[in-house]
N, C-alpha and C. Protein backbone atom coordinates (compact mmCIF):
# COMPACT_ATOMS: atom_id res chain seq x y z
N MET A 1 92.60 126.11 99.49
CA MET A 1 93.25 125.61 98.29
C MET A 1 93.20 124.08 98.25
N MET A 2 93.67 123.45 99.33
CA MET A 2 93.65 121.98 99.36
C MET A 2 92.22 121.47 99.41
N SER A 3 91.35 122.16 100.14
CA SER A 3 89.97 121.71 100.22
C SER A 3 89.27 121.87 98.86
N ASP A 4 89.64 122.91 98.09
CA ASP A 4 89.07 123.07 96.75
C ASP A 4 89.47 121.91 95.84
N ALA A 5 90.72 121.50 95.94
CA ALA A 5 91.19 120.37 95.13
C ALA A 5 90.47 119.09 95.53
N LEU A 6 90.26 118.91 96.82
CA LEU A 6 89.54 117.72 97.29
C LEU A 6 88.10 117.73 96.81
N ILE A 7 87.44 118.87 96.91
CA ILE A 7 86.05 118.97 96.47
C ILE A 7 85.95 118.74 94.96
N THR A 8 86.89 119.30 94.20
CA THR A 8 86.89 119.11 92.75
C THR A 8 87.10 117.64 92.39
N ALA A 9 88.05 117.00 93.09
CA ALA A 9 88.33 115.58 92.82
C ALA A 9 87.10 114.73 93.14
N LEU A 10 86.44 115.03 94.26
CA LEU A 10 85.25 114.26 94.63
C LEU A 10 84.11 114.49 93.64
N ALA A 11 83.98 115.72 93.17
CA ALA A 11 82.90 116.02 92.22
C ALA A 11 83.15 115.35 90.88
N ASP A 12 84.41 115.31 90.44
CA ASP A 12 84.73 114.72 89.14
C ASP A 12 84.75 113.20 89.17
N ASN A 13 85.29 112.62 90.24
CA ASN A 13 85.51 111.17 90.26
C ASN A 13 84.70 110.42 91.30
N GLY A 14 84.00 111.12 92.14
CA GLY A 14 83.11 110.50 93.10
C GLY A 14 83.79 109.59 94.09
N PRO A 15 83.22 108.39 94.27
CA PRO A 15 83.71 107.49 95.33
C PRO A 15 85.14 107.00 95.11
N TRP A 16 85.61 106.99 93.87
CA TRP A 16 86.99 106.53 93.62
C TRP A 16 87.99 107.45 94.29
N ALA A 17 87.79 108.74 94.16
CA ALA A 17 88.70 109.70 94.79
C ALA A 17 88.63 109.60 96.31
N LEU A 18 87.42 109.42 96.82
CA LEU A 18 87.26 109.27 98.26
C LEU A 18 87.98 108.02 98.77
N MET A 19 87.88 106.94 98.02
CA MET A 19 88.54 105.70 98.41
C MET A 19 90.06 105.88 98.40
N VAL A 20 90.60 106.58 97.42
CA VAL A 20 92.05 106.80 97.35
C VAL A 20 92.51 107.61 98.55
N PHE A 21 91.80 108.69 98.89
CA PHE A 21 92.18 109.48 100.04
C PHE A 21 92.07 108.67 101.34
N TYR A 22 91.04 107.84 101.43
CA TYR A 22 90.89 107.00 102.62
C TYR A 22 92.04 106.01 102.72
N LEU A 23 92.41 105.38 101.62
CA LEU A 23 93.52 104.42 101.64
C LEU A 23 94.85 105.09 101.97
N LEU A 24 95.06 106.29 101.45
CA LEU A 24 96.27 107.03 101.80
C LEU A 24 96.29 107.37 103.29
N TYR A 25 95.14 107.74 103.82
CA TYR A 25 95.04 108.05 105.24
C TYR A 25 95.34 106.82 106.10
N ARG A 26 94.78 105.68 105.71
CA ARG A 26 95.03 104.43 106.46
C ARG A 26 96.49 104.02 106.37
N ASP A 27 97.10 104.23 105.20
CA ASP A 27 98.52 103.91 105.04
C ASP A 27 99.36 104.80 105.95
N LEU A 28 98.99 106.06 106.07
CA LEU A 28 99.69 106.97 106.96
C LEU A 28 99.57 106.51 108.41
N GLN A 29 98.38 106.09 108.81
CA GLN A 29 98.18 105.59 110.17
C GLN A 29 99.02 104.35 110.42
N LYS A 30 99.08 103.45 109.45
CA LYS A 30 99.88 102.23 109.60
C LYS A 30 101.36 102.58 109.71
N ASP A 31 101.81 103.53 108.91
CA ASP A 31 103.20 103.95 108.96
C ASP A 31 103.54 104.58 110.30
N GLN A 32 102.64 105.39 110.84
CA GLN A 32 102.87 106.01 112.14
C GLN A 32 102.93 104.96 113.25
N ALA A 33 102.06 103.96 113.18
CA ALA A 33 102.08 102.90 114.19
C ALA A 33 103.38 102.09 114.10
N THR A 34 103.83 101.81 112.88
CA THR A 34 105.07 101.07 112.70
C THR A 34 106.25 101.86 113.25
N ARG A 35 106.29 103.15 112.95
CA ARG A 35 107.37 104.00 113.47
C ARG A 35 107.36 104.05 114.99
N SER A 36 106.19 104.11 115.57
CA SER A 36 106.08 104.15 117.03
C SER A 36 106.64 102.87 117.65
N VAL A 37 106.30 101.73 117.08
CA VAL A 37 106.80 100.45 117.59
C VAL A 37 108.31 100.36 117.42
N LEU A 38 108.81 100.79 116.27
CA LEU A 38 110.26 100.75 116.04
C LEU A 38 111.00 101.69 117.00
N ASP A 39 110.43 102.85 117.28
CA ASP A 39 111.05 103.77 118.24
C ASP A 39 111.10 103.15 119.63
N LYS A 40 110.03 102.51 120.03
CA LYS A 40 109.99 101.86 121.35
C LYS A 40 111.01 100.72 121.41
N ASN A 41 111.10 99.92 120.36
CA ASN A 41 112.08 98.83 120.32
C ASN A 41 113.50 99.38 120.39
N THR A 42 113.76 100.48 119.73
CA THR A 42 115.08 101.10 119.76
C THR A 42 115.41 101.55 121.17
N GLN A 43 114.46 102.15 121.86
CA GLN A 43 114.69 102.58 123.24
C GLN A 43 115.03 101.39 124.14
N ILE A 44 114.31 100.31 123.96
CA ILE A 44 114.55 99.11 124.77
C ILE A 44 115.93 98.54 124.49
N LEU A 45 116.31 98.47 123.20
CA LEU A 45 117.62 97.94 122.85
C LEU A 45 118.75 98.82 123.40
N VAL A 46 118.57 100.13 123.39
CA VAL A 46 119.58 101.03 123.95
C VAL A 46 119.72 100.81 125.45
N GLU A 47 118.61 100.66 126.14
CA GLU A 47 118.66 100.42 127.58
C GLU A 47 119.33 99.09 127.89
N MET A 48 119.01 98.05 127.12
CA MET A 48 119.63 96.74 127.33
C MET A 48 121.13 96.80 127.09
N THR A 49 121.54 97.49 126.03
CA THR A 49 122.96 97.63 125.72
C THR A 49 123.68 98.36 126.84
N THR A 50 123.07 99.40 127.36
CA THR A 50 123.66 100.16 128.46
C THR A 50 123.83 99.28 129.69
N MET A 51 122.81 98.50 130.00
CA MET A 51 122.89 97.62 131.17
C MET A 51 123.99 96.57 130.99
N ILE A 52 124.11 96.00 129.81
CA ILE A 52 125.14 94.99 129.56
C ILE A 52 126.53 95.62 129.68
N ARG A 53 126.70 96.80 129.11
CA ARG A 53 128.01 97.47 129.18
C ARG A 53 128.39 97.80 130.62
N GLU A 54 127.42 98.17 131.42
CA GLU A 54 127.70 98.50 132.82
C GLU A 54 128.13 97.27 133.61
N ARG A 55 127.65 96.11 133.23
CA ARG A 55 127.96 94.88 133.96
C ARG A 55 129.22 94.18 133.48
N LEU A 56 129.68 94.51 132.31
CA LEU A 56 130.90 93.88 131.80
C LEU A 56 132.11 94.43 132.55
N PRO A 57 133.08 93.55 132.81
CA PRO A 57 134.29 94.06 133.48
C PRO A 57 135.06 94.99 132.53
N ARG A 58 135.65 96.01 133.11
CA ARG A 58 136.41 96.97 132.31
C ARG A 58 137.87 96.53 132.22
N GLU A 59 138.45 96.75 131.05
CA GLU A 59 139.87 96.43 130.87
C GLU A 59 140.70 97.57 131.42
N ARG A 60 141.82 97.23 132.07
CA ARG A 60 142.69 98.27 132.64
C ARG A 60 144.04 98.21 132.07
């Protein structure tokens, strides 16, 4: 079904449709890379916060 739509779009619009799908694919890759970096930064910040909390004196 999806491949039929892709083939029809390519047959009707040629390279323009191919370029749109390529740009959408590249945007998806960029979004995945950004999410990966943000997830790693979040992990680092959580670890740093935990270390700081462990070293702070506790109130009694």
